[in-house]
């Protein structure tokens, strides 16, 4: 799986997303401009001690990302989509893109990819969810659809044992 952040602005969100990507054996793609430096202490704090285990690639811009990932099947998360995030059948090598915290993915990109735009339903007049929460929701749906391949599915207690 691949998570793509188009022009992320907040280091804490990106750090949290990086940690989630490590836990899910998922690549992270960051498209500039970034609203922070990759050595930002907030980024590292949110990512805890997992940042060095993260498979991350940084791109100069959206065109650079497209050129370096030809043929990538990209799903785009947006509050403007007609389809729910549970509707597509996510491929194990797909890319799930999220836009800036303040503006999302530009509509010029969305209209070119209408059939691959997905949204998370929300109640009432809420405009959007936190970016790292949105990434987790959609990523784990994609992982679920693929049988959580290679992931640890058994829970273990630290000191005690589960009763049979």
N, C-alpha and C. Protein backbone atom coordinates (compact mmCIF):
# COMPACT_ATOMS: atom_id res chain seq x y z
N UNK A 1 0.85 -1.18 0.00
CA UNK A 1 0.00 0.00 0.00
C UNK A 1 0.89 1.24 0.00
N UNK A 2 0.31 2.32 -0.44
CA UNK A 2 1.01 3.59 -0.52
C UNK A 2 0.09 4.71 -0.06
N UNK A 3 0.58 5.55 0.82
CA UNK A 3 -0.14 6.76 1.23
C UNK A 3 0.61 7.93 0.63
N UNK A 4 -0.16 8.85 0.02
CA UNK A 4 0.42 10.03 -0.62
C UNK A 4 -0.15 11.26 0.06
N UNK A 5 0.72 12.14 0.53
CA UNK A 5 0.29 13.42 1.10
C UNK A 5 0.71 14.53 0.16
N UNK A 6 -0.27 15.19 -0.41
CA UNK A 6 -0.04 16.30 -1.34
C UNK A 6 0.05 17.60 -0.54
N UNK A 7 1.25 18.14 -0.44
CA UNK A 7 1.51 19.41 0.22
C UNK A 7 1.01 19.46 1.67
N UNK A 8 1.41 18.47 2.49
CA UNK A 8 0.98 18.50 3.89
C UNK A 8 1.54 19.72 4.60
N UNK A 9 0.75 20.23 5.55
CA UNK A 9 1.12 21.48 6.23
C UNK A 9 1.55 21.30 7.68
N UNK A 10 1.06 20.28 8.35
CA UNK A 10 1.28 20.14 9.80
C UNK A 10 2.19 18.97 10.12
N UNK A 11 3.33 19.25 10.75
CA UNK A 11 4.28 18.18 11.02
C UNK A 11 3.73 17.09 11.93
N UNK A 12 2.90 17.44 12.90
CA UNK A 12 2.36 16.41 13.81
C UNK A 12 1.48 15.42 13.05
N UNK A 13 0.67 15.91 12.11
CA UNK A 13 -0.15 15.00 11.31
C UNK A 13 0.74 14.06 10.50
N UNK A 14 1.74 14.61 9.84
CA UNK A 14 2.62 13.79 9.01
C UNK A 14 3.38 12.78 9.86
N UNK A 15 3.80 13.19 11.06
CA UNK A 15 4.47 12.26 11.97
C UNK A 15 3.56 11.11 12.37
N UNK A 16 2.31 11.43 12.71
CA UNK A 16 1.35 10.38 13.07
C UNK A 16 1.10 9.45 11.89
N UNK A 17 0.97 10.02 10.71
CA UNK A 17 0.74 9.22 9.50
C UNK A 17 1.95 8.33 9.23
N UNK A 18 3.14 8.86 9.42
CA UNK A 18 4.35 8.06 9.24
C UNK A 18 4.37 6.86 10.18
N UNK A 19 3.99 7.08 11.42
CA UNK A 19 3.95 5.99 12.39
C UNK A 19 2.92 4.94 11.97
N UNK A 20 1.76 5.38 11.50
CA UNK A 20 0.74 4.46 11.01
C UNK A 20 1.27 3.67 9.82
N UNK A 21 1.97 4.33 8.92
CA UNK A 21 2.53 3.65 7.75
C UNK A 21 3.52 2.57 8.17
N UNK A 22 4.36 2.84 9.16
CA UNK A 22 5.30 1.82 9.63
C UNK A 22 4.52 0.63 10.19
N UNK A 23 3.49 0.89 10.99
CA UNK A 23 2.69 -0.19 11.60
C UNK A 23 1.96 -1.01 10.54
N UNK A 24 1.68 -0.40 9.40
CA UNK A 24 0.92 -1.07 8.34
C UNK A 24 1.80 -1.51 7.17
N UNK A 25 3.12 -1.40 7.32
CA UNK A 25 4.06 -1.75 6.25
C UNK A 25 3.65 -1.07 4.94
N UNK A 26 3.45 0.23 5.03
CA UNK A 26 2.94 1.04 3.92
C UNK A 26 3.95 2.14 3.60
N UNK A 27 4.16 2.39 2.32
CA UNK A 27 5.06 3.47 1.90
C UNK A 27 4.36 4.82 2.04
N UNK A 28 5.15 5.84 2.39
CA UNK A 28 4.64 7.20 2.49
C UNK A 28 5.30 8.05 1.41
N UNK A 29 4.49 8.78 0.66
CA UNK A 29 4.96 9.67 -0.40
C UNK A 29 4.57 11.09 -0.02
N UNK A 30 5.54 11.98 0.05
CA UNK A 30 5.30 13.38 0.40
C UNK A 30 5.57 14.26 -0.82
N UNK A 31 4.58 15.06 -1.19
CA UNK A 31 4.72 15.94 -2.36
C UNK A 31 4.86 17.37 -1.88
N UNK A 32 5.95 18.00 -2.27
CA UNK A 32 6.22 19.39 -1.90
C UNK A 32 5.28 20.36 -2.61
N UNK A 33 5.13 21.55 -2.02
CA UNK A 33 5.82 22.06 -0.85
C UNK A 33 5.26 21.48 0.44
N UNK A 34 6.16 21.28 1.40
CA UNK A 34 5.79 20.81 2.72
C UNK A 34 5.70 22.02 3.65
N UNK A 35 4.81 21.97 4.60
CA UNK A 35 4.66 23.08 5.56
C UNK A 35 5.62 22.98 6.72
N UNK A 36 6.68 22.19 6.58
CA UNK A 36 7.63 21.94 7.66
C UNK A 36 8.89 21.34 7.04
N UNK A 37 9.93 21.22 7.84
CA UNK A 37 11.15 20.55 7.41
C UNK A 37 11.11 19.11 7.88
N UNK A 38 11.73 18.22 7.15
CA UNK A 38 11.71 16.81 7.52
C UNK A 38 12.44 16.52 8.82
N UNK A 39 13.23 17.46 9.31
CA UNK A 39 13.88 17.27 10.60
C UNK A 39 13.14 18.00 11.72
N UNK A 40 11.91 18.45 11.45
CA UNK A 40 11.09 19.17 12.43
C UNK A 40 10.87 18.31 13.67
N UNK A 41 11.06 18.90 14.86
CA UNK A 41 10.93 18.13 16.09
C UNK A 41 9.50 17.65 16.31
N UNK A 42 8.49 18.37 15.83
CA UNK A 42 7.10 17.94 15.98
C UNK A 42 6.84 16.70 15.10
N UNK A 43 7.46 16.67 13.95
CA UNK A 43 7.34 15.51 13.06
C UNK A 43 7.93 14.28 13.74
N UNK A 44 9.12 14.42 14.28
CA UNK A 44 9.80 13.30 14.94
C UNK A 44 9.06 12.89 16.21
N UNK A 45 8.54 13.85 16.97
CA UNK A 45 7.84 13.53 18.20
C UNK A 45 6.59 12.70 17.90
N UNK A 46 5.82 13.12 16.92
CA UNK A 46 4.59 12.39 16.57
C UNK A 46 4.91 11.02 16.00
N UNK A 47 6.01 10.89 15.29
CA UNK A 47 6.41 9.61 14.72
C UNK A 47 7.13 8.71 15.69
N UNK A 48 7.39 9.24 16.90
CA UNK A 48 8.12 8.53 17.94
C UNK A 48 9.43 7.97 17.39
N UNK A 49 9.78 6.78 17.80
CA UNK A 49 11.05 6.21 17.34
C UNK A 49 10.87 5.35 16.10
N UNK A 50 9.80 5.58 15.36
CA UNK A 50 9.52 4.79 14.17
C UNK A 50 9.98 5.48 12.88
N UNK A 51 10.29 6.76 12.92
CA UNK A 51 10.55 7.52 11.71
C UNK A 51 11.69 6.91 10.89
N UNK A 52 12.72 6.39 11.54
CA UNK A 52 13.84 5.81 10.80
C UNK A 52 13.47 4.48 10.14
N UNK A 53 12.34 3.89 10.50
CA UNK A 53 11.87 2.64 9.90
C UNK A 53 10.91 2.89 8.74
N UNK A 54 10.57 4.16 8.50
CA UNK A 54 9.58 4.54 7.50
C UNK A 54 10.17 4.53 6.10
N UNK A 55 9.44 3.93 5.16
CA UNK A 55 9.79 3.98 3.74
C UNK A 55 9.12 5.24 3.19
N UNK A 56 9.89 6.31 3.04
CA UNK A 56 9.32 7.60 2.62
C UNK A 56 10.07 8.14 1.41
N UNK A 57 9.31 8.68 0.47
CA UNK A 57 9.87 9.32 -0.72
C UNK A 57 9.30 10.73 -0.81
N UNK A 58 10.14 11.68 -1.15
CA UNK A 58 9.72 13.08 -1.27
C UNK A 58 9.83 13.49 -2.75
N UNK A 59 8.82 14.23 -3.21
CA UNK A 59 8.73 14.67 -4.61
C UNK A 59 8.71 16.19 -4.66
N UNK A 60 9.23 16.73 -5.75
CA UNK A 60 9.26 18.19 -5.92
C UNK A 60 7.87 18.78 -6.07
N UNK A 61 6.98 18.07 -6.78
CA UNK A 61 5.62 18.55 -7.01
C UNK A 61 4.77 17.39 -7.53
N UNK A 62 3.51 17.64 -7.81
CA UNK A 62 2.58 16.61 -8.26
C UNK A 62 3.05 15.97 -9.57
N UNK A 63 3.57 16.78 -10.48
CA UNK A 63 4.05 16.25 -11.76
C UNK A 63 5.23 15.31 -11.56
N UNK A 64 6.14 15.66 -10.65
CA UNK A 64 7.27 14.79 -10.33
C UNK A 64 6.76 13.46 -9.79
N UNK A 65 5.77 13.50 -8.91
CA UNK A 65 5.17 12.28 -8.38
C UNK A 65 4.60 11.41 -9.50
N UNK A 66 3.83 12.02 -10.40
CA UNK A 66 3.22 11.27 -11.52
C UNK A 66 4.28 10.66 -12.44
N UNK A 67 5.33 11.43 -12.72
CA UNK A 67 6.39 10.94 -13.59
C UNK A 67 7.15 9.77 -12.98
N UNK A 68 7.36 9.81 -11.68
CA UNK A 68 8.13 8.76 -11.00
C UNK A 68 7.29 7.55 -10.61
N UNK A 69 5.97 7.64 -10.79
CA UNK A 69 5.07 6.53 -10.48
C UNK A 69 4.10 6.31 -11.64
N UNK A 70 4.63 6.02 -12.83
CA UNK A 70 3.76 5.86 -13.99
C UNK A 70 2.82 4.67 -13.81
N UNK A 71 1.58 4.85 -14.21
CA UNK A 71 0.61 3.77 -14.11
C UNK A 71 0.07 3.51 -12.72
N UNK A 72 0.43 4.34 -11.75
CA UNK A 72 -0.05 4.14 -10.39
C UNK A 72 -1.57 4.32 -10.34
N UNK A 73 -2.24 3.39 -9.68
CA UNK A 73 -3.68 3.50 -9.48
C UNK A 73 -3.89 4.30 -8.20
N UNK A 74 -4.39 5.52 -8.36
CA UNK A 74 -4.49 6.45 -7.24
C UNK A 74 -5.95 6.68 -6.87
N UNK A 75 -6.25 6.48 -5.60
CA UNK A 75 -7.55 6.86 -5.04
C UNK A 75 -7.34 8.17 -4.31
N UNK A 76 -8.27 9.09 -4.47
CA UNK A 76 -8.12 10.42 -3.90
C UNK A 76 -9.20 10.67 -2.86
N UNK A 77 -8.75 10.91 -1.64
CA UNK A 77 -9.67 11.16 -0.53
C UNK A 77 -10.05 12.64 -0.52
N UNK A 78 -11.35 12.89 -0.56
CA UNK A 78 -11.84 14.25 -0.56
C UNK A 78 -13.26 14.31 0.00
N UNK A 79 -13.59 15.38 0.66
CA UNK A 79 -14.96 15.55 1.17
C UNK A 79 -15.94 15.80 0.03
N UNK A 80 -15.43 16.03 -1.18
CA UNK A 80 -16.28 16.37 -2.33
C UNK A 80 -16.69 15.17 -3.17
N UNK A 81 -16.18 13.98 -2.85
CA UNK A 81 -16.44 12.79 -3.67
C UNK A 81 -17.88 12.31 -3.55
N UNK A 82 -18.30 11.61 -4.58
CA UNK A 82 -19.64 11.02 -4.60
C UNK A 82 -19.64 9.61 -3.99
N UNK A 83 -18.51 8.91 -4.09
CA UNK A 83 -18.41 7.52 -3.60
C UNK A 83 -17.82 7.47 -2.20
N UNK A 84 -18.29 6.50 -1.42
CA UNK A 84 -17.74 6.28 -0.09
C UNK A 84 -16.42 5.52 -0.19
N UNK A 85 -15.58 5.67 0.81
CA UNK A 85 -14.27 5.02 0.82
C UNK A 85 -14.38 3.50 0.88
N UNK A 86 -15.52 2.97 1.24
CA UNK A 86 -15.71 1.52 1.32
C UNK A 86 -16.10 0.89 -0.02
N UNK A 87 -16.39 1.69 -1.03
CA UNK A 87 -16.87 1.17 -2.31
C UNK A 87 -15.80 0.60 -3.22
N UNK A 88 -14.63 1.21 -3.36
CA UNK A 88 -13.63 0.62 -4.28
C UNK A 88 -13.08 -0.69 -3.73
N UNK A 89 -12.52 -1.48 -4.63
CA UNK A 89 -11.73 -2.65 -4.24
C UNK A 89 -10.27 -2.24 -4.36
N UNK A 90 -9.65 -1.97 -3.23
CA UNK A 90 -8.28 -1.46 -3.21
C UNK A 90 -7.29 -2.58 -3.54
N UNK A 91 -6.39 -2.32 -4.46
CA UNK A 91 -5.35 -3.27 -4.83
C UNK A 91 -4.21 -3.14 -3.82
N UNK A 92 -3.45 -4.23 -3.61
CA UNK A 92 -2.36 -4.17 -2.64
C UNK A 92 -1.29 -3.12 -2.96
N UNK A 93 -1.17 -2.74 -4.23
CA UNK A 93 -0.15 -1.77 -4.62
C UNK A 93 -0.74 -0.39 -4.95
N UNK A 94 -1.97 -0.13 -4.53
CA UNK A 94 -2.60 1.15 -4.86
C UNK A 94 -2.01 2.30 -4.05
N UNK A 95 -2.34 3.50 -4.49
CA UNK A 95 -1.91 4.73 -3.84
C UNK A 95 -3.18 5.44 -3.36
N UNK A 96 -3.18 5.88 -2.11
CA UNK A 96 -4.31 6.62 -1.57
C UNK A 96 -3.79 8.02 -1.23
N UNK A 97 -4.32 9.01 -1.94
CA UNK A 97 -3.83 10.38 -1.83
C UNK A 97 -4.74 11.25 -0.96
N UNK A 98 -4.09 12.11 -0.18
CA UNK A 98 -4.77 13.08 0.68
C UNK A 98 -4.15 14.44 0.42
N UNK A 99 -4.97 15.49 0.48
CA UNK A 99 -4.48 16.83 0.22
C UNK A 99 -4.12 17.60 1.48
N UNK A 100 -3.80 18.86 1.28
CA UNK A 100 -3.44 19.76 2.38
C UNK A 100 -4.54 19.81 3.43
N UNK A 101 -4.15 19.98 4.67
CA UNK A 101 -5.11 20.08 5.76
C UNK A 101 -6.07 21.24 5.55
N UNK A 102 -5.59 22.34 5.02
CA UNK A 102 -6.43 23.54 4.89
C UNK A 102 -7.29 23.58 3.63
N UNK A 103 -6.94 22.78 2.61
CA UNK A 103 -7.65 22.93 1.34
C UNK A 103 -7.94 21.61 0.61
N UNK A 104 -7.35 20.52 1.03
CA UNK A 104 -7.55 19.25 0.34
C UNK A 104 -6.79 19.19 -0.98
N UNK A 105 -7.21 18.26 -1.81
CA UNK A 105 -6.62 18.09 -3.14
C UNK A 105 -7.25 19.12 -4.07
N UNK A 106 -6.46 19.83 -4.87
CA UNK A 106 -7.03 20.83 -5.78
C UNK A 106 -8.11 20.23 -6.68
N UNK A 107 -9.18 20.99 -6.89
CA UNK A 107 -10.30 20.49 -7.70
C UNK A 107 -9.90 20.18 -9.13
N UNK A 108 -8.87 20.84 -9.66
CA UNK A 108 -8.39 20.54 -11.01
C UNK A 108 -7.92 19.09 -11.10
N UNK A 109 -7.32 18.59 -10.05
CA UNK A 109 -6.88 17.20 -10.01
C UNK A 109 -8.07 16.28 -9.79
N UNK A 110 -8.98 16.67 -8.90
CA UNK A 110 -10.14 15.84 -8.59
C UNK A 110 -11.02 15.58 -9.82
N UNK A 111 -11.30 16.62 -10.60
CA UNK A 111 -12.21 16.44 -11.74
C UNK A 111 -11.62 15.52 -12.81
N UNK A 112 -10.31 15.44 -12.87
CA UNK A 112 -9.66 14.53 -13.81
C UNK A 112 -9.69 13.08 -13.32
N UNK A 113 -10.05 12.88 -12.06
CA UNK A 113 -10.01 11.55 -11.44
C UNK A 113 -11.31 11.22 -10.72
N UNK A 114 -12.41 11.69 -11.22
CA UNK A 114 -13.71 11.56 -10.56
C UNK A 114 -14.01 10.14 -10.08
N UNK A 115 -13.74 9.16 -10.94
CA UNK A 115 -14.09 7.77 -10.62
C UNK A 115 -13.24 7.18 -9.50
N UNK A 116 -12.14 7.85 -9.15
CA UNK A 116 -11.26 7.35 -8.09
C UNK A 116 -11.29 8.23 -6.84
N UNK A 117 -12.24 9.14 -6.78
CA UNK A 117 -12.38 9.98 -5.59
C UNK A 117 -13.29 9.29 -4.59
N UNK A 118 -12.88 9.30 -3.32
CA UNK A 118 -13.65 8.67 -2.25
C UNK A 118 -13.76 9.63 -1.06
N UNK A 119 -14.80 9.40 -0.27
CA UNK A 119 -15.00 10.25 0.91
C UNK A 119 -15.41 9.40 2.11
N UNK A 120 -15.18 9.97 3.26
CA UNK A 120 -15.61 9.38 4.53
C UNK A 120 -16.88 10.10 4.94
N UNK A 121 -17.97 9.38 5.18
CA UNK A 121 -19.20 10.07 5.56
C UNK A 121 -19.07 10.71 6.95
N UNK A 122 -19.72 11.84 7.11
CA UNK A 122 -19.72 12.55 8.39
C UNK A 122 -21.12 13.05 8.69
N UNK A 123 -21.38 13.24 9.92
CA UNK A 123 -22.69 13.68 10.37
C UNK A 123 -22.75 15.20 10.41
N UNK A 124 -23.89 15.75 10.09
CA UNK A 124 -24.14 17.18 10.26
C UNK A 124 -23.30 18.08 9.38
N UNK A 125 -22.91 19.18 9.93
CA UNK A 125 -22.19 20.22 9.19
C UNK A 125 -20.67 20.16 9.35
N UNK A 126 -20.17 19.04 9.81
CA UNK A 126 -18.72 18.89 9.96
C UNK A 126 -18.08 18.95 8.58
N UNK A 127 -17.04 19.79 8.43
CA UNK A 127 -16.39 19.95 7.13
C UNK A 127 -15.42 18.83 6.81
N UNK A 128 -14.66 18.39 7.83
CA UNK A 128 -13.65 17.37 7.56
C UNK A 128 -13.15 16.77 8.87
N UNK A 129 -12.48 15.65 8.74
CA UNK A 129 -11.83 15.00 9.86
C UNK A 129 -10.35 15.39 9.88
N UNK A 130 -9.68 15.10 10.97
CA UNK A 130 -8.24 15.30 11.04
C UNK A 130 -7.57 14.42 9.99
N UNK A 131 -6.54 14.95 9.35
CA UNK A 131 -5.86 14.24 8.27
C UNK A 131 -5.35 12.87 8.71
N UNK A 132 -4.68 12.79 9.84
CA UNK A 132 -4.13 11.49 10.24
C UNK A 132 -5.24 10.49 10.55
N UNK A 133 -6.37 10.95 11.07
CA UNK A 133 -7.51 10.05 11.29
C UNK A 133 -8.06 9.55 9.96
N UNK A 134 -8.19 10.45 9.00
CA UNK A 134 -8.70 10.07 7.68
C UNK A 134 -7.81 9.04 7.01
N UNK A 135 -6.50 9.24 7.10
CA UNK A 135 -5.56 8.28 6.53
C UNK A 135 -5.77 6.91 7.17
N UNK A 136 -5.87 6.89 8.49
CA UNK A 136 -6.04 5.62 9.19
C UNK A 136 -7.31 4.90 8.79
N UNK A 137 -8.40 5.63 8.70
CA UNK A 137 -9.69 5.03 8.34
C UNK A 137 -9.61 4.36 6.97
N UNK A 138 -9.15 5.08 5.98
CA UNK A 138 -9.14 4.55 4.62
C UNK A 138 -8.05 3.49 4.44
N UNK A 139 -6.87 3.72 5.00
CA UNK A 139 -5.79 2.74 4.88
C UNK A 139 -6.21 1.40 5.48
N UNK A 140 -6.80 1.42 6.65
CA UNK A 140 -7.17 0.16 7.28
C UNK A 140 -8.35 -0.53 6.58
N UNK A 141 -9.19 0.22 5.90
CA UNK A 141 -10.20 -0.43 5.05
C UNK A 141 -9.51 -1.14 3.89
N UNK A 142 -8.54 -0.49 3.28
CA UNK A 142 -7.80 -1.11 2.18
C UNK A 142 -7.05 -2.35 2.66
N UNK A 143 -6.43 -2.27 3.84
CA UNK A 143 -5.74 -3.42 4.39
C UNK A 143 -6.71 -4.55 4.71
N UNK A 144 -7.87 -4.21 5.26
CA UNK A 144 -8.89 -5.22 5.57
C UNK A 144 -9.31 -5.95 4.30
N UNK A 145 -9.55 -5.18 3.25
CA UNK A 145 -9.96 -5.80 1.98
C UNK A 145 -8.91 -6.76 1.45
N UNK A 146 -7.67 -6.53 1.80
CA UNK A 146 -6.58 -7.39 1.34
C UNK A 146 -6.16 -8.40 2.40
N UNK A 147 -7.04 -8.65 3.37
CA UNK A 147 -6.81 -9.70 4.36
C UNK A 147 -5.73 -9.39 5.37
N UNK A 148 -5.40 -8.12 5.56
CA UNK A 148 -4.33 -7.72 6.48
C UNK A 148 -3.07 -8.54 6.22
N UNK A 149 -2.78 -8.76 4.96
CA UNK A 149 -1.66 -9.60 4.52
C UNK A 149 -0.36 -9.25 5.24
N UNK A 150 0.21 -10.27 5.90
CA UNK A 150 1.50 -10.12 6.57
C UNK A 150 1.45 -9.44 7.91
N UNK A 151 0.28 -9.04 8.38
CA UNK A 151 0.18 -8.31 9.63
C UNK A 151 -0.05 -9.27 10.80
N UNK A 152 0.35 -8.84 11.98
CA UNK A 152 0.14 -9.61 13.20
C UNK A 152 -1.33 -9.50 13.59
N UNK A 153 -2.04 -10.61 13.53
CA UNK A 153 -3.48 -10.60 13.82
C UNK A 153 -3.80 -11.12 15.21
N UNK A 154 -2.82 -11.64 15.93
CA UNK A 154 -3.06 -12.19 17.26
C UNK A 154 -2.66 -11.18 18.33
N UNK A 155 -3.57 -10.89 19.22
CA UNK A 155 -3.26 -10.00 20.34
C UNK A 155 -2.63 -10.78 21.48
N UNK A 156 -1.64 -10.20 22.12
CA UNK A 156 -0.97 -10.86 23.23
C UNK A 156 -0.90 -9.91 24.41
N UNK A 157 -1.20 -10.45 25.58
CA UNK A 157 -1.05 -9.68 26.81
C UNK A 157 0.42 -9.63 27.19
N UNK A 158 0.79 -8.66 28.00
CA UNK A 158 2.20 -8.52 28.41
C UNK A 158 2.56 -9.48 29.55
N UNK A 159 1.74 -9.51 30.59
CA UNK A 159 2.07 -10.31 31.78
C UNK A 159 1.21 -11.56 31.93
N UNK A 160 -0.02 -11.50 31.50
CA UNK A 160 -0.97 -12.57 31.70
C UNK A 160 -1.28 -13.29 30.39
N UNK A 161 -2.08 -14.33 30.47
CA UNK A 161 -2.50 -15.06 29.27
C UNK A 161 -4.00 -14.99 29.15
N UNK A 162 -4.48 -15.03 27.93
CA UNK A 162 -5.92 -15.11 27.71
C UNK A 162 -6.39 -16.48 28.16
N UNK A 163 -7.51 -16.54 28.86
CA UNK A 163 -8.09 -17.81 29.30
C UNK A 163 -8.63 -18.56 28.08
N UNK A 164 -8.38 -19.88 27.98
CA UNK A 164 -8.94 -20.63 26.85
C UNK A 164 -10.44 -20.81 26.94
